[in-house]
């Protein structure tokens, strides 16, 4: 037995992906498995996605893609954040597709391809209004021309044109229509410049867009958080998604304390009667936000209990009153809610954040157990 574990339901991942694919018939599906598959475990998560019908995988960094290759995963993989000194030579050798948003990066990828003796497969990214990654529209023609030049010499192959939404999780936001128009404009420029053909994959739809913007489907969709059962647009409900992760811990210590006992650092919680406290062996070093102090709830002894006092590095306390509690008893921090436990969405709501942060913060001390 371990003090805590994150139980990951692989069938939920497969079912979620099937649901998402049903919203985008005819389009390929590339699942983003960045950040350790949103905290669910990179390799098992990726394999579950492929078993569920994913055509491709996406990672933020090349090193994540190389880890997938080292595990024997041969499916197409796209990596899109490429700072200086990334292992581009190895990426090309391992047939990892790379995103480029500047002529300089196109040249760097072409150089790696020349050394590897094979063409690199490249997706060109345009900034349609997020002002983050991607070439600005004014710089887009120059990026296309450089990529076409390198393609003519045989060092790269342009296989994708893409962008990313800023506000797809905010249905009706004016920026959505503006970004779609900008993307269509960028695609038209690419076509006129000579970047065309049935092999070019156009993609912009993330989880929220898949579920709410059918016009954003194009040739491929890129589900991320929704694959793991967490709604990308919580105000519209869960869309039938099933959370794949259940975070549990086992009570490490039980003690009876008198009324007016200050609990944990700063005595931010003081007992109002004689009561029973339980020590839960998880803390902010494991991804339990310190901000959860006196806010977030857990399920213990069949009832919801609020965290009592300051969340510490390795532990926090709960107050169960006069209810029975024993060392080794299981506490559920969050799950799918089917047993009355809080969900990751409830944790996110109570802490003023998003579910992405809740699940990706769960640290390496917490083993993932796959079911």
Protein backbone atom coordinates (compact mmCIF):
# COMPACT_ATOMS: atom_id res chain seq x y z
CA UNK A 1 0.00 0.00 0.00
CA UNK A 2 1.15 3.50 -0.78
CA UNK A 3 0.20 6.66 1.13
CA UNK A 4 -1.62 7.95 -1.93
CA UNK A 5 -2.26 7.06 -5.55
CA UNK A 6 -3.90 8.44 -8.65
CA UNK A 7 -6.14 5.79 -10.16
CA UNK A 8 -6.51 6.19 -13.90
CA UNK A 9 -9.39 4.53 -15.73
CA UNK A 10 -8.06 3.75 -19.19
CA UNK A 11 -11.48 2.70 -20.49
CA UNK A 12 -12.77 6.18 -19.63
CA UNK A 13 -10.05 7.68 -21.82
CA UNK A 14 -11.02 5.41 -24.71
CA UNK A 15 -14.73 6.17 -24.27
CA UNK A 16 -14.12 9.91 -24.06
CA UNK A 17 -12.14 9.80 -27.26
CA UNK A 18 -14.91 7.89 -29.03
CA UNK A 19 -17.38 10.58 -27.95
CA UNK A 20 -15.11 13.37 -29.19
CA UNK A 21 -14.53 11.62 -32.50
CA UNK A 22 -18.30 11.43 -32.97
CA UNK A 23 -18.37 15.24 -32.94
CA UNK A 24 -15.87 15.43 -35.80
CA UNK A 25 -16.78 12.75 -38.35
CA UNK A 26 -14.42 12.70 -41.29
CA UNK A 27 -11.63 14.54 -39.49
CA UNK A 28 -8.46 12.98 -38.17
CA UNK A 29 -7.88 13.08 -34.42
CA UNK A 30 -4.60 14.13 -32.84
CA UNK A 31 -4.70 13.82 -29.05
CA UNK A 32 -2.52 16.20 -27.07
CA UNK A 33 -0.68 14.09 -24.49
CA UNK A 34 1.61 16.88 -23.30
CA UNK A 35 2.38 17.38 -19.60
CA UNK A 36 2.46 13.65 -18.86
CA UNK A 37 -0.90 13.21 -20.62
CA UNK A 38 -2.39 15.94 -18.44
CA UNK A 39 -1.03 14.21 -15.35
CA UNK A 40 -2.47 10.80 -16.24
CA UNK A 41 0.81 9.24 -17.37
CA UNK A 42 2.37 9.82 -20.78
CA UNK A 43 2.89 6.28 -22.05
CA UNK A 44 -0.25 4.57 -20.69
CA UNK A 45 -2.31 7.62 -21.61
CA UNK A 46 -0.96 7.69 -25.15
CA UNK A 47 -1.57 3.98 -25.63
CA UNK A 48 -5.14 4.33 -24.37
CA UNK A 49 -5.71 7.16 -26.86
CA UNK A 50 -4.37 5.10 -29.75
CA UNK A 51 -6.49 2.14 -28.64
CA UNK A 52 -9.48 4.49 -28.66
CA UNK A 53 -8.91 5.45 -32.27
CA UNK A 54 -6.53 8.42 -32.18
CA UNK A 55 -4.77 8.88 -35.50
CA UNK A 56 -1.94 10.98 -34.12
CA UNK A 57 -0.44 12.30 -30.90
CA UNK A 58 0.73 15.78 -30.00
CA UNK A 59 3.31 16.95 -27.48
CA UNK A 60 4.49 20.35 -26.39
CA UNK A 61 8.17 19.41 -26.39
CA UNK A 62 10.40 17.18 -28.47
CA UNK A 63 11.60 15.32 -25.40
CA UNK A 64 8.04 14.17 -24.73
CA UNK A 65 7.79 12.85 -28.28
CA UNK A 66 11.14 11.08 -27.96
CA UNK A 67 9.89 9.39 -24.79
CA UNK A 68 6.92 8.08 -26.74
CA UNK A 69 9.21 6.77 -29.46
CA UNK A 70 11.46 5.12 -26.87
CA UNK A 71 8.40 3.28 -25.55
CA UNK A 72 7.79 1.82 -29.00
CA UNK A 73 4.96 4.11 -30.09
CA UNK A 74 5.16 4.53 -33.86
CA UNK A 75 2.08 6.69 -34.53
CA UNK A 76 2.63 10.14 -36.05
CA UNK A 77 3.61 12.70 -33.40
CA UNK A 78 3.71 16.49 -33.67
CA UNK A 79 5.79 18.64 -31.27
CA UNK A 80 5.13 22.38 -31.30
CA UNK A 81 7.26 24.28 -28.76
CA UNK A 82 10.82 24.29 -30.05
CA UNK A 83 13.20 26.56 -28.13
CA UNK A 84 16.86 26.85 -29.10
CA UNK A 85 19.04 23.76 -28.73
CA UNK A 86 16.20 21.25 -28.89
CA UNK A 87 17.38 17.82 -30.16
CA UNK A 88 16.15 18.43 -33.69
CA UNK A 89 18.51 15.89 -35.26
CA UNK A 90 17.09 13.11 -33.13
CA UNK A 91 13.57 14.36 -33.70
CA UNK A 92 13.99 14.11 -37.47
CA UNK A 93 15.65 10.72 -37.19
CA UNK A 94 12.71 9.50 -35.10
CA UNK A 95 10.18 10.85 -37.63
CA UNK A 96 8.69 13.39 -35.25
CA UNK A 97 6.75 16.13 -37.01
CA UNK A 98 7.75 19.64 -35.99
CA UNK A 99 5.96 22.97 -35.89
CA UNK A 100 7.60 26.12 -37.21
CA UNK A 101 6.51 29.75 -36.93
CA UNK A 102 9.61 31.57 -38.17
CA UNK A 103 11.95 31.31 -41.16
CA UNK A 104 14.84 30.80 -38.75
CA UNK A 105 13.25 27.72 -37.23
CA UNK A 106 12.46 26.37 -40.69
CA UNK A 107 16.16 26.71 -41.48
CA UNK A 108 17.15 24.97 -38.24
CA UNK A 109 14.81 22.07 -38.96
CA UNK A 110 16.09 21.87 -42.52
CA UNK A 111 19.66 21.74 -41.20
CA UNK A 112 18.77 18.84 -38.91
CA UNK A 113 17.09 17.09 -41.80
CA UNK A 114 20.18 17.51 -43.94
CA UNK A 115 22.31 15.91 -41.25
CA UNK A 116 19.79 13.10 -40.78
CA UNK A 117 19.62 12.43 -44.50
CA UNK A 118 15.82 12.61 -44.63
CA UNK A 119 13.17 15.28 -45.06
CA UNK A 120 11.54 16.65 -41.92
CA UNK A 121 7.75 16.80 -41.80
CA UNK A 122 6.70 20.31 -40.78
CA UNK A 123 3.48 22.03 -39.72
CA UNK A 124 3.51 25.81 -40.22
CA UNK A 125 1.72 27.75 -37.50
CA UNK A 126 -0.02 31.08 -37.99
CA UNK A 127 -1.08 33.43 -35.20
CA UNK A 128 -4.75 34.16 -35.86
CA UNK A 129 -5.29 36.34 -32.81
CA UNK A 130 -3.93 34.68 -29.69
CA UNK A 131 -0.64 36.61 -29.81
CA UNK A 132 1.22 33.59 -28.51
CA UNK A 133 2.82 31.00 -30.81
CA UNK A 134 2.61 31.27 -34.58
CA UNK A 135 3.71 33.69 -37.27
CA UNK A 136 1.85 36.99 -37.37
CA UNK A 137 -0.33 37.38 -40.47
CA UNK A 138 2.02 40.04 -41.81
CA UNK A 139 4.93 37.59 -41.52
CA UNK A 140 3.02 34.56 -42.79
CA UNK A 141 3.96 34.98 -46.48
CA UNK A 142 7.67 35.09 -45.63
CA UNK A 143 7.33 31.92 -43.56
CA UNK A 144 5.55 30.17 -46.41
CA UNK A 145 8.18 31.25 -48.95
CA UNK A 146 11.04 30.01 -46.78
CA UNK A 147 9.32 26.71 -46.16
CA UNK A 148 8.62 26.24 -49.87
CA UNK A 149 12.26 26.98 -50.65
CA UNK A 150 13.43 24.35 -48.19
CA UNK A 151 10.85 21.93 -49.50
CA UNK A 152 12.17 22.45 -53.04
CA UNK A 153 15.64 21.44 -51.91
CA UNK A 154 14.23 18.33 -50.25
CA UNK A 155 15.03 19.01 -46.59
CA UNK A 156 11.48 19.55 -45.36
CA UNK A 157 7.99 18.49 -46.35
CA UNK A 158 5.12 20.83 -45.48
CA UNK A 159 2.36 18.59 -44.12
CA UNK A 160 0.26 20.90 -41.94
CA UNK A 161 -1.06 24.43 -41.51
CA UNK A 162 -2.45 25.28 -38.11
CA UNK A 163 -3.40 27.73 -35.41
CA UNK A 164 -4.90 27.81 -31.91
CA UNK A 165 -7.98 29.44 -30.37
CA UNK A 166 -7.74 31.92 -27.52
CA UNK A 167 -11.39 31.80 -26.38
CA UNK A 168 -13.00 28.63 -27.73
CA UNK A 169 -14.01 27.83 -24.14
CA UNK A 170 -16.06 31.05 -24.11
CA UNK A 171 -18.93 30.33 -26.51
CA UNK A 172 -20.03 33.40 -28.43
CA UNK A 173 -16.86 35.37 -27.80
CA UNK A 174 -16.29 37.70 -30.79
CA UNK A 175 -12.68 36.58 -31.10
CA UNK A 176 -13.77 33.11 -32.24
CA UNK A 177 -15.27 34.28 -35.52
CA UNK A 178 -12.36 36.66 -36.06
CA UNK A 179 -9.84 33.85 -35.60
CA UNK A 180 -11.69 31.56 -37.98
CA UNK A 181 -11.73 34.32 -40.59
CA UNK A 182 -8.03 34.96 -40.05
CA UNK A 183 -7.27 31.24 -40.37
CA UNK A 184 -9.23 31.03 -43.62
CA UNK A 185 -7.32 34.06 -44.88
CA UNK A 186 -4.00 32.43 -43.96
CA UNK A 187 -5.03 29.22 -45.73
CA UNK A 188 -5.94 31.19 -48.86
CA UNK A 189 -2.55 32.91 -48.83
CA UNK A 190 -0.85 29.53 -48.46
CA UNK A 191 -2.79 28.14 -51.39
CA UNK A 192 -1.85 31.10 -53.61
CA UNK A 193 1.78 30.81 -52.52
CA UNK A 194 1.90 27.17 -53.54
CA UNK A 195 1.34 25.33 -50.26
CA UNK A 196 -1.53 23.13 -51.34
CA UNK A 197 -2.58 19.56 -51.85
CA UNK A 198 -4.67 16.85 -50.23
CA UNK A 199 -1.74 15.89 -48.01
CA UNK A 200 -1.83 19.27 -46.21
CA UNK A 201 -3.60 18.92 -42.84
CA UNK A 202 -5.44 22.05 -41.68
CA UNK A 203 -6.18 22.14 -37.95
CA UNK A 204 -7.28 24.63 -35.29
CA UNK A 205 -9.92 22.88 -33.11
CA UNK A 206 -9.05 22.13 -29.48
CA UNK A 207 -11.35 20.30 -27.03
CA UNK A 208 -13.76 23.20 -26.63
CA UNK A 209 -13.97 23.83 -30.37
CA UNK A 210 -14.61 20.16 -31.12
CA UNK A 211 -17.68 20.23 -28.88
CA UNK A 212 -19.05 23.67 -29.76
CA UNK A 213 -17.70 24.77 -33.17
CA UNK A 214 -18.35 22.29 -35.98
CA UNK A 215 -17.11 24.89 -38.49
CA UNK A 216 -13.65 24.64 -36.92
CA UNK A 217 -13.23 20.96 -37.73
CA UNK A 218 -11.21 21.27 -40.99
CA UNK A 219 -9.03 18.18 -41.59
CA UNK A 220 -8.03 17.33 -38.04
CA UNK A 221 -9.09 18.07 -34.46
CA UNK A 222 -6.84 18.21 -31.40
CA UNK A 223 -8.60 17.08 -28.20
CA UNK A 224 -6.69 17.55 -24.97
CA UNK A 225 -8.31 17.92 -21.55
CA UNK A 226 -11.64 16.48 -22.76
CA UNK A 227 -9.94 13.18 -23.62
CA UNK A 228 -9.32 12.72 -19.92
CA UNK A 229 -12.94 13.37 -19.05
CA UNK A 230 -12.84 16.99 -17.94
CA UNK A 231 -15.16 19.49 -19.57
CA UNK A 232 -13.47 22.24 -21.59
CA UNK A 233 -16.59 24.42 -21.17
CA UNK A 234 -17.86 23.66 -17.64
CA UNK A 235 -20.76 26.09 -17.81
CA UNK A 236 -22.25 23.96 -20.61
CA UNK A 237 -21.98 20.75 -18.60
CA UNK A 238 -19.84 17.64 -18.91
CA UNK A 239 -20.92 16.69 -22.50
CA UNK A 240 -21.10 13.05 -21.37
CA UNK A 241 -17.37 12.87 -20.61
CA UNK A 242 -16.12 10.64 -17.77
CA UNK A 243 -13.23 11.83 -15.56
CA UNK A 244 -10.43 9.30 -15.84
CA UNK A 245 -8.53 10.14 -12.64
CA UNK A 246 -9.44 9.42 -9.03
CA UNK A 247 -7.01 10.77 -6.45
CA UNK A 248 -6.97 8.88 -3.15
CA UNK A 249 -4.90 8.83 0.03
CA UNK A 250 -4.89 6.78 3.22
CA UNK A 251 -5.18 8.29 6.67
CA UNK A 252 -1.74 8.29 8.29
CA UNK A 253 -2.71 9.38 11.81
CA UNK A 254 -5.90 9.82 13.83
CA UNK A 255 -6.05 11.88 17.00
CA UNK A 256 -8.62 13.24 19.41
CA UNK A 257 -8.15 16.90 20.35
CA UNK A 258 -10.01 19.25 22.69
CA UNK A 259 -12.05 22.30 21.77
CA UNK A 260 -10.04 25.44 20.84
CA UNK A 261 -7.18 23.44 19.34
CA UNK A 262 -5.35 25.30 16.58
CA UNK A 263 -4.71 23.08 13.57
CA UNK A 264 -1.66 23.24 11.28
CA UNK A 265 0.51 26.26 10.46
CA UNK A 266 -0.87 29.61 11.50
CA UNK A 267 -3.82 28.06 13.33
CA UNK A 268 -6.10 29.07 10.46
CA UNK A 269 -8.53 26.43 11.69
CA UNK A 270 -9.50 26.13 15.35
CA UNK A 271 -11.73 23.33 16.62
CA UNK A 272 -15.02 24.45 18.14
CA UNK A 273 -15.49 21.27 20.18
CA UNK A 274 -13.67 18.08 21.15
CA UNK A 275 -13.18 16.34 17.86
CA UNK A 276 -11.27 13.77 15.81
CA UNK A 277 -8.65 14.88 13.30
CA UNK A 278 -7.18 12.79 10.51
CA UNK A 279 -3.85 13.37 8.79
CA UNK A 280 -3.93 12.97 5.01
CA UNK A 281 -0.42 12.37 3.58
CA UNK A 282 -0.59 14.68 0.57
CA UNK A 283 0.52 18.29 0.35
CA UNK A 284 1.58 21.04 -1.98
CA UNK A 285 4.69 19.08 -2.96
CA UNK A 286 2.25 16.57 -4.45
CA UNK A 287 0.17 19.18 -6.24
CA UNK A 288 -2.45 19.93 -3.59
CA UNK A 289 -2.65 23.68 -3.88
CA UNK A 290 -1.89 25.57 -0.67
CA UNK A 291 -4.88 27.69 -1.60
CA UNK A 292 -7.06 24.66 -0.77
CA UNK A 293 -6.63 25.55 2.91
CA UNK A 294 -10.08 25.57 4.56
CA UNK A 295 -11.67 25.43 1.08
CA UNK A 296 -11.50 22.14 -0.81
CA UNK A 297 -13.45 19.08 0.26
CA UNK A 298 -12.63 15.36 0.34
CA UNK A 299 -14.70 12.22 0.92
CA UNK A 300 -13.84 10.40 4.14
CA UNK A 301 -15.96 7.98 6.15
CA UNK A 302 -18.78 8.30 3.65
CA UNK A 303 -19.12 12.08 4.05
CA UNK A 304 -17.66 15.22 2.56
CA UNK A 305 -15.08 16.91 4.80
CA UNK A 306 -13.44 20.26 4.24
CA UNK A 307 -9.67 20.54 4.59
CA UNK A 308 -9.03 21.79 8.13
CA UNK A 309 -6.21 24.31 8.34
CA UNK A 310 -3.19 25.04 6.24
CA UNK A 311 -2.19 22.62 3.49
CA UNK A 312 1.45 21.75 4.22
CA UNK A 313 4.20 20.44 1.97
CA UNK A 314 3.42 16.78 2.63
CA UNK A 315 0.13 16.66 4.52
CA UNK A 316 -3.15 18.26 5.51
CA UNK A 317 -5.77 17.61 8.16
CA UNK A 318 -9.48 16.89 8.12
CA UNK A 319 -11.96 17.20 10.99
CA UNK A 320 -14.45 14.30 11.22
CA UNK A 321 -16.09 15.29 14.51
CA UNK A 322 -17.31 12.21 16.36
CA UNK A 323 -17.45 9.98 13.28
CA UNK A 324 -15.27 6.86 13.28
CA UNK A 325 -11.95 7.16 11.47
CA UNK A 326 -8.96 4.79 11.50
CA UNK A 327 -5.42 4.88 10.23
CA UNK A 328 -5.35 3.34 6.77
CA UNK A 329 -8.88 4.47 5.90
CA UNK A 330 -9.20 5.75 2.37
CA UNK A 331 -9.83 9.40 1.58
CA UNK A 332 -10.94 10.42 -1.92
CA UNK A 333 -9.87 13.90 -2.92
CA UNK A 334 -11.59 13.86 -6.29
CA UNK A 335 -12.96 11.40 -8.81
CA UNK A 336 -15.89 11.06 -11.17
CA UNK A 337 -18.39 11.87 -8.42
CA UNK A 338 -20.22 8.55 -8.65
CA UNK A 339 -19.62 7.71 -4.98
CA UNK A 340 -20.37 11.18 -3.69
CA UNK A 341 -16.76 12.34 -3.81
CA UNK A 342 -15.81 15.79 -5.12
CA UNK A 343 -14.81 16.07 -8.76
CA UNK A 344 -11.77 17.83 -10.19
CA UNK A 345 -14.20 20.42 -11.49
CA UNK A 346 -15.44 21.11 -7.95
CA UNK A 347 -11.87 21.48 -6.77
CA UNK A 348 -11.15 23.88 -9.63
CA UNK A 349 -14.27 25.91 -8.89
CA UNK A 350 -13.52 26.16 -5.17
CA UNK A 351 -9.94 27.27 -5.85
CA UNK A 352 -10.66 29.68 -8.68
CA UNK A 353 -8.74 27.76 -11.33
CA UNK A 354 -9.29 25.21 -14.12
CA UNK A 355 -9.24 21.43 -14.06
CA UNK A 356 -6.08 21.41 -16.19
CA UNK A 357 -4.15 22.79 -13.23
CA UNK A 358 -5.72 20.37 -10.74
CA UNK A 359 -4.72 17.19 -12.59
CA UNK A 360 -1.40 18.27 -14.10
CA UNK A 361 -0.03 19.36 -10.73
CA UNK A 362 -0.26 15.89 -9.17
CA UNK A 363 3.39 15.13 -8.53
CA UNK A 364 5.69 12.20 -9.15
CA UNK A 365 5.51 11.01 -5.52
CA UNK A 366 1.93 9.92 -6.25
CA UNK A 367 2.03 6.68 -8.26
CA UNK A 368 -0.42 6.23 -11.11
CA UNK A 369 -2.36 3.00 -10.94
CA UNK A 370 -4.07 1.93 -14.16
CA UNK A 371 -7.38 0.14 -14.29
